[in-house]
Amino acid sequence: MSRSGGSPSLATIQRDVFRALERGRPGDPLASRHVRGVKPLGPAARLRIYSDQFPLRLHDALHQDHPYLVKLLGHHKFHALALAYGRKAGSRHYSLGAFGAGLSRFLAQRPRGFTRPDLPDLACFEWALTQSFLSLAEGQPVTVEALAALGPERFPAARVRLSPSVRLVPLRHDVASLVEALDAMDEGGRPPKPRPERSVRLVWRNGTEVFHAPASAKDARALRRLREGRPLWEVCAAYGNSPQAAQAAFSSLSRWAREQMLLDLQVP
């Protein structure tokens, strides 16, 4: 409740208090004027309770979404990363679940103390895993049998929808091997050195589990065409025009169907 003579709007109160909490300034008079103090705690002391918790909540949000970064950096250094990222990026979304969206871009700027070159790729990969898990599962899965039953006449014009859980993650380093090494590494162990290697990683959810696998250039092209809603003949054309290419295309579609990556078959 405001202690001033006027009646500030809710938007004003939210703005003033949030800025004070975000900047770690619980004594900010613009924020304190909206808080009624009751002994023994005055307005600034009451705001400090939330101000002290704010960076910890941001840290916890990142910690939950980036377990491999935590293991690679160690808890102490990861805490320093969360503080640095929080000061630079802040929280601009109503949900703390969105706080890590820009972490990879932040690390790509090579901030002081975090110059290991594969950190941006690892952050990007882990964010894709999290977002794949949280994606909505709406639609009727397409079966391999349904694709095969279309026949050569109906197959070319048919369309399927790509599951919202599917992510294509372009990488500059071998993150898959790094993740495997971190899984096998004991507490306090030494992680492997960064290994430059350009690739695209396919991430998807099947049921309640998230998986990832390498995606070839042709796979990535076909998956992007599926995302754009193109007919199956255009999707298959990503593999070429030979009989062997057609077989490879149907093999990929079948694999994706088995993994519940294809939804809502539509036949004109």
Protein backbone atom coordinates (compact mmCIF):
# COMPACT_ATOMS: atom_id res chain seq x y z
CA MET A 1 0.00 0.00 0.00
CA SER A 2 1.30 3.44 -0.85
CA ARG A 3 2.39 5.72 2.01
CA SER A 4 2.27 8.78 -0.22
CA GLY A 5 -0.66 11.12 -0.68
CA GLY A 6 -1.46 9.96 -4.20
CA SER A 7 -2.65 6.66 -5.56
CA PRO A 8 -0.05 5.27 -7.98
CA SER A 9 -1.15 2.77 -10.56
CA LEU A 10 -0.41 -0.94 -10.20
CA ALA A 11 1.99 -0.68 -13.15
CA THR A 12 3.94 2.06 -11.35
CA ILE A 13 4.17 0.04 -8.14
CA GLN A 14 5.33 -3.06 -10.02
CA ARG A 15 7.91 -1.08 -12.00
CA ASP A 16 9.40 0.70 -8.98
CA VAL A 17 9.55 -2.37 -6.76
CA PHE A 18 10.90 -4.64 -9.49
CA ARG A 19 13.69 -2.21 -10.37
CA ALA A 20 14.73 -2.00 -6.74
CA LEU A 21 14.77 -5.77 -6.34
CA GLU A 22 16.57 -6.35 -9.65
CA ARG A 23 19.28 -3.80 -8.82
CA GLY A 24 19.68 -4.94 -5.23
CA ARG A 25 18.61 -1.55 -3.84
CA PRO A 26 15.90 -2.23 -1.24
CA GLY A 27 16.34 1.29 0.17
CA ASP A 28 15.36 2.93 -3.11
CA PRO A 29 12.87 5.65 -2.13
CA LEU A 30 10.78 5.06 -5.26
CA ALA A 31 10.15 1.48 -4.11
CA SER A 32 9.99 2.16 -0.37
CA ARG A 33 7.14 4.63 -0.79
CA HIS A 34 4.88 1.75 -1.84
CA VAL A 35 5.62 -0.41 1.23
CA ARG A 36 4.16 0.08 4.70
CA GLY A 37 6.66 -0.62 7.44
CA VAL A 38 5.60 -2.33 10.66
CA LYS A 39 8.06 -2.49 13.57
CA PRO A 40 10.61 -3.93 13.80
CA LEU A 41 10.87 -3.96 9.98
CA GLY A 42 10.69 -0.76 8.01
CA PRO A 43 9.98 -0.54 4.26
CA ALA A 44 13.62 -1.04 3.23
CA ALA A 45 14.06 -4.03 5.53
CA ARG A 46 10.93 -5.64 4.16
CA LEU A 47 12.09 -5.08 0.60
CA ARG A 48 15.52 -6.50 1.47
CA ILE A 49 13.93 -9.89 2.19
CA TYR A 50 12.86 -10.07 -1.46
CA SER A 51 15.95 -8.31 -2.78
CA ASP A 52 18.22 -10.94 -1.21
CA GLN A 53 16.09 -13.75 -2.62
CA PHE A 54 15.83 -12.40 -6.17
CA PRO A 55 19.32 -13.39 -7.44
CA LEU A 56 18.98 -16.75 -5.69
CA ARG A 57 15.76 -17.48 -7.54
CA LEU A 58 17.42 -16.57 -10.84
CA HIS A 59 20.33 -18.85 -9.98
CA ASP A 60 17.99 -21.72 -9.14
CA ALA A 61 16.15 -21.32 -12.45
CA LEU A 62 19.40 -21.58 -14.42
CA HIS A 63 20.69 -24.39 -12.22
CA GLN A 64 17.64 -26.53 -12.91
CA ASP A 65 17.80 -26.04 -16.68
CA HIS A 66 21.59 -26.42 -17.13
CA PRO A 67 22.85 -29.39 -15.07
CA TYR A 68 25.76 -30.04 -17.47
CA LEU A 69 26.97 -26.46 -17.23
CA VAL A 70 26.81 -26.81 -13.44
CA LYS A 71 28.93 -29.95 -13.56
CA LEU A 72 31.39 -28.48 -16.04
CA LEU A 73 31.92 -25.21 -14.16
CA GLY A 74 31.36 -26.36 -10.60
CA HIS A 75 28.78 -24.92 -8.21
CA HIS A 76 30.81 -21.91 -7.14
CA LYS A 77 31.69 -20.75 -10.65
CA PHE A 78 28.17 -21.46 -11.91
CA HIS A 79 26.81 -19.25 -9.15
CA ALA A 80 29.13 -16.47 -10.38
CA LEU A 81 27.85 -17.05 -13.92
CA ALA A 82 24.23 -16.78 -12.79
CA LEU A 83 24.97 -13.48 -11.02
CA ALA A 84 26.83 -12.05 -14.02
CA TYR A 85 24.11 -13.12 -16.44
CA GLY A 86 21.39 -11.80 -14.15
CA ARG A 87 23.07 -8.39 -13.92
CA LYS A 88 23.52 -8.24 -17.69
CA ALA A 89 20.25 -9.68 -18.95
CA GLY A 90 17.82 -9.35 -16.06
CA SER A 91 14.50 -11.15 -16.00
CA ARG A 92 12.06 -9.82 -18.59
CA HIS A 93 9.41 -12.55 -18.56
CA TYR A 94 6.65 -13.29 -16.06
CA SER A 95 7.98 -16.85 -15.72
CA LEU A 96 11.44 -17.70 -14.34
CA GLY A 97 11.34 -20.65 -16.73
CA ALA A 98 12.23 -18.23 -19.55
CA PHE A 99 15.22 -16.71 -17.78
CA GLY A 100 17.81 -18.96 -19.46
CA ALA A 101 16.73 -18.17 -23.02
CA GLY A 102 19.61 -15.75 -23.58
CA LEU A 103 22.36 -17.55 -21.67
CA SER A 104 23.98 -18.99 -24.80
CA ARG A 105 24.12 -15.52 -26.41
CA PHE A 106 25.60 -14.10 -23.22
CA LEU A 107 28.32 -16.75 -23.14
CA ALA A 108 29.04 -16.18 -26.85
CA GLN A 109 30.25 -12.70 -25.86
CA ARG A 110 33.05 -14.43 -23.89
CA PRO A 111 32.38 -12.66 -20.56
CA ARG A 112 35.30 -12.44 -18.17
CA GLY A 113 35.95 -15.74 -16.44
CA PHE A 114 33.82 -17.73 -18.89
CA THR A 115 35.85 -17.90 -22.08
CA ARG A 116 35.85 -21.66 -22.66
CA PRO A 117 34.73 -21.74 -26.33
CA ASP A 118 32.16 -24.55 -26.07
CA LEU A 119 30.15 -22.98 -23.25
CA PRO A 120 27.69 -21.22 -25.62
CA ASP A 121 27.02 -24.48 -27.47
CA LEU A 122 26.47 -26.41 -24.25
CA ALA A 123 24.05 -23.77 -22.97
CA CYS A 124 22.19 -23.76 -26.30
CA PHE A 125 21.95 -27.57 -26.28
CA GLU A 126 20.68 -27.76 -22.72
CA TRP A 127 18.11 -25.04 -23.40
CA ALA A 128 16.83 -27.07 -26.36
CA LEU A 129 16.47 -30.14 -24.12
CA THR A 130 14.47 -28.13 -21.59
CA GLN A 131 12.21 -26.49 -24.16
CA SER A 132 11.59 -29.82 -25.89
CA PHE A 133 10.46 -31.36 -22.62
CA LEU A 134 8.15 -28.44 -21.84
CA SER A 135 6.57 -28.22 -25.29
CA LEU A 136 2.87 -28.94 -25.66
CA ALA A 137 1.95 -32.40 -26.92
CA GLU A 138 -1.09 -31.75 -29.07
CA GLY A 139 -2.06 -33.74 -32.14
CA GLN A 140 -2.54 -37.28 -33.39
CA PRO A 141 0.74 -39.18 -33.90
CA VAL A 142 1.30 -40.49 -37.43
CA THR A 143 2.18 -44.18 -37.68
CA VAL A 144 4.51 -45.85 -40.16
CA GLU A 145 1.59 -47.98 -41.33
CA ALA A 146 -0.45 -44.87 -42.12
CA LEU A 147 2.37 -43.46 -44.24
CA ALA A 148 2.82 -46.74 -46.09
CA ALA A 149 -0.91 -47.04 -46.72
CA LEU A 150 -0.97 -43.77 -48.66
CA GLY A 151 0.48 -45.42 -51.73
CA PRO A 152 2.23 -43.62 -54.61
CA GLU A 153 -0.90 -41.72 -55.64
CA ARG A 154 -1.80 -40.04 -52.36
CA PHE A 155 1.64 -39.87 -50.70
CA PRO A 156 3.15 -36.86 -52.62
CA ALA A 157 0.41 -34.37 -51.72
CA ALA A 158 -0.06 -35.54 -48.13
CA ARG A 159 1.16 -33.37 -45.27
CA VAL A 160 2.13 -34.02 -41.67
CA ARG A 161 2.87 -31.62 -38.85
CA LEU A 162 6.18 -31.68 -37.02
CA SER A 163 5.88 -32.09 -33.25
CA PRO A 164 6.51 -28.86 -31.30
CA SER A 165 9.07 -30.79 -29.26
CA VAL A 166 11.45 -31.09 -32.21
CA ARG A 167 14.49 -28.83 -32.16
CA LEU A 168 17.39 -28.51 -34.60
CA VAL A 169 20.43 -27.23 -32.71
CA PRO A 170 23.40 -25.98 -34.78
CA LEU A 171 26.66 -26.44 -32.89
CA ARG A 172 30.29 -25.44 -33.36
CA HIS A 173 31.68 -27.96 -30.88
CA ASP A 174 31.24 -31.64 -30.07
CA VAL A 175 28.71 -31.20 -27.29
CA ALA A 176 27.42 -34.79 -27.45
CA SER A 177 30.83 -36.20 -26.46
CA LEU A 178 31.19 -33.52 -23.79
CA VAL A 179 27.82 -34.47 -22.28
CA GLU A 180 28.76 -38.16 -22.29
CA ALA A 181 32.04 -37.35 -20.55
CA LEU A 182 30.27 -35.22 -17.94
CA ASP A 183 27.80 -38.03 -17.27
CA ALA A 184 30.70 -40.39 -16.60
CA MET A 185 32.80 -37.87 -14.66
CA ASP A 186 33.04 -38.18 -10.89
CA GLU A 187 32.63 -35.18 -8.61
CA GLY A 188 35.77 -33.08 -8.84
CA GLY A 189 36.94 -34.82 -12.01
CA ARG A 190 38.58 -33.05 -14.93
CA PRO A 191 36.31 -32.42 -17.93
CA PRO A 192 37.60 -32.94 -21.47
CA LYS A 193 39.00 -30.06 -23.47
CA PRO A 194 36.75 -28.30 -26.02
CA ARG A 195 36.59 -30.08 -29.35
CA PRO A 196 35.65 -27.92 -32.37
CA GLU A 197 33.22 -29.75 -34.66
CA ARG A 198 30.34 -28.27 -36.65
CA SER A 199 27.14 -30.29 -36.53
CA VAL A 200 23.37 -30.12 -36.10
CA ARG A 201 21.79 -31.97 -33.20
CA LEU A 202 18.20 -33.19 -33.43
CA VAL A 203 16.28 -32.97 -30.14
CA TRP A 204 12.79 -34.36 -29.57
CA ARG A 205 10.47 -35.77 -26.92
CA ASN A 206 8.82 -39.17 -27.07
CA GLY A 207 6.35 -39.60 -24.24
CA THR A 208 7.98 -38.11 -21.15
CA GLU A 209 11.59 -38.60 -22.27
CA VAL A 210 13.76 -36.25 -24.32
CA PHE A 211 16.23 -37.67 -26.83
CA HIS A 212 18.90 -36.28 -29.12
CA ALA A 213 20.78 -37.57 -32.14
CA PRO A 214 22.92 -36.18 -34.98
CA ALA A 215 21.04 -34.76 -37.97
CA SER A 216 22.56 -34.85 -41.43
CA ALA A 217 22.27 -31.86 -43.74
CA LYS A 218 19.53 -33.69 -45.67
CA ASP A 219 17.69 -34.58 -42.48
CA ALA A 220 17.81 -30.96 -41.31
CA ARG A 221 16.55 -29.72 -44.68
CA ALA A 222 13.67 -32.20 -44.65
CA LEU A 223 12.72 -31.37 -41.06
CA ARG A 224 12.66 -27.65 -41.83
CA ARG A 225 10.33 -28.32 -44.77
CA LEU A 226 8.07 -30.32 -42.47
CA ARG A 227 8.05 -27.39 -40.04
CA GLU A 228 7.01 -25.13 -42.90
CA GLY A 229 4.05 -27.41 -43.69
CA ARG A 230 5.19 -28.48 -47.13
CA PRO A 231 3.76 -31.60 -48.85
CA LEU A 232 5.64 -34.85 -48.50
CA TRP A 233 7.01 -34.80 -52.03
CA GLU A 234 8.89 -31.60 -51.20
CA VAL A 235 10.08 -33.06 -47.92
CA CYS A 236 11.40 -36.15 -49.68
CA ALA A 237 13.05 -34.01 -52.37
CA ALA A 238 15.51 -32.88 -49.70
CA TYR A 239 17.21 -36.26 -50.16
CA GLY A 240 17.45 -36.08 -53.96
CA ASN A 241 15.56 -37.62 -56.89
CA SER A 242 17.04 -41.10 -57.24
CA PRO A 243 15.30 -44.33 -56.11
CA GLN A 244 17.92 -44.62 -53.36
CA ALA A 245 17.09 -41.09 -52.22
CA ALA A 246 13.38 -41.89 -52.09
CA GLN A 247 14.13 -44.95 -49.96
CA ALA A 248 16.31 -42.85 -47.63
CA ALA A 249 13.55 -40.25 -47.33
CA PHE A 250 10.89 -42.80 -46.40
CA SER A 251 13.30 -44.41 -43.94
CA SER A 252 13.74 -41.05 -42.20
CA LEU A 253 10.00 -40.38 -42.15
CA SER A 254 9.40 -43.84 -40.69
CA ARG A 255 12.01 -43.29 -38.00
CA TRP A 256 10.49 -39.94 -37.07
CA ALA A 257 7.01 -41.46 -37.00
CA ARG A 258 8.17 -44.19 -34.60
CA GLU A 259 9.58 -41.47 -32.35
CA GLN A 260 6.20 -39.61 -32.40
CA MET A 261 7.74 -36.61 -34.13
CA LEU A 262 5.08 -36.53 -36.87
CA LEU A 263 1.50 -35.46 -36.14
CA ASP A 264 -1.86 -34.99 -37.87
CA LEU A 265 -1.64 -36.67 -41.25
CA GLN A 266 -3.63 -34.73 -43.86
CA VAL A 267 -4.51 -36.17 -47.26
CA PRO A 268 -6.12 -33.87 -49.89
